[in-house]
Protein backbone atom coordinates (compact mmCIF):
# COMPACT_ATOMS: atom_id res chain seq x y z
CA UNK A 1 138.28 145.56 166.53
CA UNK A 2 140.34 148.15 168.40
CA UNK A 3 142.49 148.48 171.48
CA UNK A 4 141.67 150.27 174.71
CA UNK A 5 143.87 151.82 177.35
CA UNK A 6 141.97 151.77 180.63
CA UNK A 7 142.78 152.37 184.28
CA UNK A 8 141.54 149.85 186.82
CA UNK A 9 140.83 150.71 190.43
CA UNK A 10 140.70 147.24 191.97
CA UNK A 11 139.77 146.35 195.53
CA UNK A 12 142.61 144.36 197.13
CA UNK A 13 142.12 142.60 200.45
CA UNK A 14 144.43 139.89 201.78
CA UNK A 15 141.75 138.07 203.78
CA UNK A 16 138.41 138.31 205.59
CA UNK A 17 139.87 140.09 208.59
CA UNK A 18 142.42 142.23 206.74
CA UNK A 19 141.94 145.89 205.88
CA UNK A 20 141.37 146.42 202.16
CA UNK A 21 142.11 149.28 199.81
CA UNK A 22 141.96 150.18 196.13
CA UNK A 23 144.94 149.50 193.90
CA UNK A 24 145.34 151.48 190.68
CA UNK A 25 146.49 149.36 187.74
CA UNK A 26 147.07 150.47 184.16
CA UNK A 27 145.63 148.12 181.55
CA UNK A 28 146.92 149.20 178.14
CA UNK A 29 146.44 147.53 174.79
CA UNK A 30 143.24 145.69 175.72
CA UNK A 31 141.35 144.21 172.77
CA UNK A 32 137.78 145.52 172.87
CA UNK A 33 136.50 142.07 171.82
CA UNK A 34 137.76 140.54 175.08
CA UNK A 35 135.30 139.65 177.81
CA UNK A 36 135.77 141.46 181.11
CA UNK A 37 137.25 138.32 182.68
CA UNK A 38 139.65 137.84 179.78
CA UNK A 39 140.83 141.39 180.39
CA UNK A 40 141.46 140.49 184.05
CA UNK A 41 143.36 137.38 182.88
CA UNK A 42 145.66 139.58 180.77
CA UNK A 43 146.18 141.98 183.67
CA UNK A 44 146.99 139.08 185.99
CA UNK A 45 149.56 137.67 183.58
CA UNK A 46 151.27 141.05 183.49
CA UNK A 47 151.21 141.33 187.29
CA UNK A 48 152.71 137.85 187.69
CA UNK A 49 155.44 138.66 185.16
CA UNK A 50 156.29 141.71 187.28
CA UNK A 51 156.52 139.54 190.39
CA UNK A 52 153.30 140.96 191.88
CA UNK A 53 150.24 139.26 193.37
CA UNK A 54 147.52 138.41 190.86
CA UNK A 55 144.01 139.75 191.42
CA UNK A 56 141.83 137.09 193.02
CA UNK A 57 138.37 136.80 191.45
CA UNK A 58 135.78 134.04 191.16
CA UNK A 59 134.96 132.38 187.83
CA UNK A 60 134.04 128.99 186.42
CA UNK A 61 131.92 128.37 183.32
CA UNK A 62 132.34 131.80 181.69
CA UNK A 63 129.07 131.18 179.87
CA UNK A 64 126.65 133.07 182.12
CA UNK A 65 125.46 129.87 183.80
CA UNK A 66 127.33 129.29 187.07
CA UNK A 67 126.98 132.75 188.62
CA UNK A 68 130.44 132.84 190.19
CA UNK A 69 131.73 135.81 188.13
CA UNK A 70 130.11 138.29 190.48
CA UNK A 71 131.73 141.74 190.51
CA UNK A 72 130.67 145.31 191.14
CA UNK A 73 131.83 147.28 188.11
CA UNK A 74 131.58 151.06 188.36
CA UNK A 75 129.00 150.63 191.09
CA UNK A 76 126.80 148.21 189.18
CA UNK A 77 126.43 144.49 189.83
CA UNK A 78 127.89 142.71 186.77
CA UNK A 79 128.57 146.05 185.08
CA UNK A 80 126.72 148.35 182.66
CA UNK A 81 125.08 145.81 180.34
CA UNK A 82 121.55 144.84 181.39
CA UNK A 83 120.76 141.12 181.58
CA UNK A 84 124.44 140.23 181.32
CA UNK A 85 126.74 138.39 183.71
CA UNK A 86 130.29 139.69 184.20
CA UNK A 87 131.74 136.86 182.10
CA UNK A 88 129.51 137.89 179.18
CA UNK A 89 130.35 141.59 179.47
CA UNK A 90 132.75 142.71 176.74
CA UNK A 91 135.29 145.49 176.81
CA UNK A 92 133.57 147.23 173.89
CA UNK A 93 131.09 148.49 176.51
CA UNK A 94 133.90 150.75 177.80
CA UNK A 95 135.81 153.53 176.09
CA UNK A 96 139.46 154.36 175.69
CA UNK A 97 140.94 156.16 178.68
CA UNK A 98 138.09 155.17 181.02
CA UNK A 99 138.62 154.46 184.71
CA UNK A 100 136.93 151.23 185.80
CA UNK A 101 136.28 150.62 189.49
CA UNK A 102 136.08 146.91 190.38
CA UNK A 103 134.83 145.77 193.78
CA UNK A 104 133.48 142.60 195.39
CA UNK A 105 129.79 142.33 196.20
CA UNK A 106 129.16 144.34 199.37
CA UNK A 107 126.90 142.56 201.87
CA UNK A 108 127.40 141.36 205.44
CA UNK A 109 126.18 137.91 204.40
CA UNK A 110 128.88 137.81 201.67
CA UNK A 111 132.16 138.25 203.57
CA UNK A 112 135.22 138.91 201.42
CA UNK A 113 137.54 135.89 201.12
CA UNK A 114 140.23 137.74 199.21
CA UNK A 115 140.28 140.69 196.78
CA UNK A 116 137.14 140.31 194.62
CA UNK A 117 136.07 136.87 195.86
CA UNK A 118 133.26 136.60 198.41
CA UNK A 119 131.74 133.75 200.41
CA UNK A 120 128.16 133.16 199.23
CA UNK A 121 127.55 130.02 201.30
CA UNK A 122 124.56 131.75 202.92
CA UNK A 123 122.74 131.01 199.65
CA UNK A 124 123.62 127.32 200.04
CA UNK A 125 122.02 127.30 203.50
CA UNK A 126 118.78 128.68 202.08
CA UNK A 127 118.66 126.01 199.37
CA UNK A 128 119.61 123.24 201.81
CA UNK A 129 116.70 124.19 204.07
CA UNK A 130 114.07 123.38 201.47
CA UNK A 131 115.11 123.88 197.85
CA UNK A 132 114.40 120.29 196.81
CA UNK A 133 111.61 117.76 196.41
CA UNK A 134 111.37 114.37 198.08
CA UNK A 135 110.90 111.64 195.48
CA UNK A 136 111.36 107.91 195.33
CA UNK A 137 114.51 106.74 193.64
CA UNK A 138 114.41 104.48 190.61
CA UNK A 139 113.91 104.86 186.91
CA UNK A 140 112.96 108.23 185.49
CA UNK A 141 109.18 108.57 185.04
CA UNK A 142 107.73 109.15 181.61
CA UNK A 143 107.96 112.80 180.61
CA UNK A 144 104.21 113.04 179.96
CA UNK A 145 103.13 111.21 183.12
CA UNK A 146 102.36 114.46 184.99
CA UNK A 147 100.61 117.00 182.75
CA UNK A 148 101.81 120.57 183.40
CA UNK A 149 100.05 123.55 181.79
CA UNK A 150 102.38 125.54 179.55
CA UNK A 151 101.98 128.84 181.48
CA UNK A 152 102.96 127.02 184.67
CA UNK A 153 105.93 125.33 183.02
CA UNK A 154 107.07 128.64 181.51
CA UNK A 155 106.83 130.45 184.86
CA UNK A 156 108.73 127.67 186.63
CA UNK A 157 111.46 127.82 183.98
CA UNK A 158 111.70 131.61 184.36
CA UNK A 159 112.28 131.17 188.10
CA UNK A 160 114.71 128.29 187.56
CA UNK A 161 116.88 130.60 185.41
CA UNK A 162 118.37 132.00 188.64
CA UNK A 163 122.12 131.30 188.72
CA UNK A 164 122.60 132.27 192.38
CA UNK A 165 125.14 134.98 191.59
CA UNK A 166 124.05 137.36 194.36
CA UNK A 167 123.61 140.45 192.18
CA UNK A 168 120.17 140.97 193.70
CA UNK A 169 121.71 141.16 197.17
CA UNK A 170 124.53 143.44 196.04
CA UNK A 171 122.11 145.84 194.34
CA UNK A 172 119.55 145.93 197.15
CA UNK A 173 119.95 148.85 199.62
CA UNK A 174 118.93 146.43 202.39
CA UNK A 175 121.09 143.51 201.16
CA UNK A 176 117.93 141.42 200.90
CA UNK A 177 117.93 138.02 199.21
CA UNK A 178 114.20 137.87 198.48
CA UNK A 179 114.55 137.62 194.70
CA UNK A 180 117.01 134.73 194.96
CA UNK A 181 114.89 132.91 197.56
CA UNK A 182 111.66 133.58 195.65
CA UNK A 183 113.16 132.12 192.48
CA UNK A 184 114.34 128.99 194.28
CA UNK A 185 110.99 128.60 196.07
CA UNK A 186 108.81 129.33 193.06
CA UNK A 187 110.41 127.04 190.51
CA UNK A 188 109.44 124.11 192.75
CA UNK A 189 106.21 125.45 194.27
CA UNK A 190 104.70 126.10 190.84
CA UNK A 191 105.10 122.50 189.68
CA UNK A 192 102.95 119.50 190.64
CA UNK A 193 106.03 117.65 191.93
CA UNK A 194 106.62 120.39 194.49
CA UNK A 195 103.16 120.54 196.00
CA UNK A 196 103.60 117.94 198.76
CA UNK A 197 106.24 120.07 200.54
CA UNK A 198 105.09 123.46 199.27
CA UNK A 199 104.28 125.19 202.55
CA UNK A 200 107.02 123.57 204.60
CA UNK A 201 109.49 124.55 201.88
CA UNK A 202 108.56 128.23 201.72
CA UNK A 203 108.51 128.62 205.50
CA UNK A 204 111.89 126.95 205.97
CA UNK A 205 113.60 128.84 203.16
CA UNK A 206 112.24 132.27 204.09
CA UNK A 207 113.09 131.77 207.78
CA UNK A 208 116.62 130.72 206.86
CA UNK A 209 116.97 133.71 204.52
CA UNK A 210 116.02 136.08 207.31
CA UNK A 211 118.83 134.72 209.47
CA UNK A 212 121.42 136.12 207.05
CA UNK A 213 119.95 138.88 204.92
CA UNK A 214 118.07 142.16 205.24
CA UNK A 215 114.37 142.73 204.59
CA UNK A 216 112.78 143.51 201.24
CA UNK A 217 111.18 146.95 200.87
CA UNK A 218 110.17 146.56 197.20
CA UNK A 219 112.96 148.83 195.98
CA UNK A 220 113.03 146.84 192.73
CA UNK A 221 116.75 147.18 192.04
CA UNK A 222 117.16 143.40 192.36
CA UNK A 223 115.36 142.63 189.10
CA UNK A 224 117.25 145.42 187.33
CA UNK A 225 120.62 143.96 188.40
CA UNK A 226 119.68 140.31 187.79
CA UNK A 227 121.63 138.95 184.79
CA UNK A 228 118.67 136.65 184.03
CA UNK A 229 116.11 139.46 184.46
CA UNK A 230 113.99 137.49 186.90
CA UNK A 231 110.84 139.40 187.82
CA UNK A 232 110.01 140.60 191.33
CA UNK A 233 106.58 139.05 190.71
CA UNK A 234 108.12 135.91 192.17
CA UNK A 235 108.65 137.73 195.47
CA UNK A 236 104.91 138.39 195.60
CA UNK A 237 104.20 134.70 194.97
CA UNK A 238 106.64 133.71 197.70
CA UNK A 239 105.12 136.15 200.19
CA UNK A 240 101.65 134.81 199.41
CA UNK A 241 102.77 131.21 200.00
CA UNK A 242 104.66 132.19 203.15
CA UNK A 243 101.55 133.80 204.63
CA UNK A 244 99.52 130.70 203.80
CA UNK A 245 102.20 128.48 205.33
CA UNK A 246 101.70 130.08 208.73
CA UNK A 247 98.13 128.73 208.73
CA UNK A 248 98.71 125.49 206.82
CA UNK A 249 101.70 124.39 208.88
CA UNK A 250 100.01 125.29 212.16
CA UNK A 251 97.01 123.14 211.23
CA UNK A 252 99.32 120.27 210.31
CA UNK A 253 101.10 120.45 213.67
CA UNK A 254 97.84 120.68 215.66
CA UNK A 255 96.50 117.50 214.08
CA UNK A 256 99.47 115.40 215.16
């Protein structure tokens, strides 16, 4: 255990329509066992004690589950540790005397609320358009009632690992949300319970995504930035289902 003296260049912005700029803040005596968010907590306490405005940033579970701790750290979504959310990033990944640049995620679909906090409600609109299954209410069915092959269950769980943090969008040169949408589509479309609405789901979610985000050009940076290391293979599965939906859904409409 040792202490670090680092310099933070933090993006400060009073509101969505305000002009922002970087603020240089000295952070001395930081325990290298602290998480990145704990370091920001210490810095905020010092700022408040000096009568200054605390840095606004999003956080909740601090266990790499909720996805709200989304920051650009030295130009990388969630920072330098691969497969790690900001809340799980520790200060031992940095060195004494280092300058650390901290920014919000940069995407038109993620407008800045204040400082490092962005509005990711565009993700909610994608999920609301089809990220669910329709099922009768009542008692929970027996766990073994619907057999699911293990490879299918494993793939669905890999897709369901998405925490909706937005790192894929922040890392993409086009600000595309295809990895997020593919994960949300695939974890339902792979399972038997999701088959009834499979093609309506993928069409609705992809069309909603395209209202807010850029187009995917297979750059691949999304899977590199993803803290859950979700594969871009799911984008291929989504594209395949979306193409099929254009025929399946048209046939369904013509029969009515």
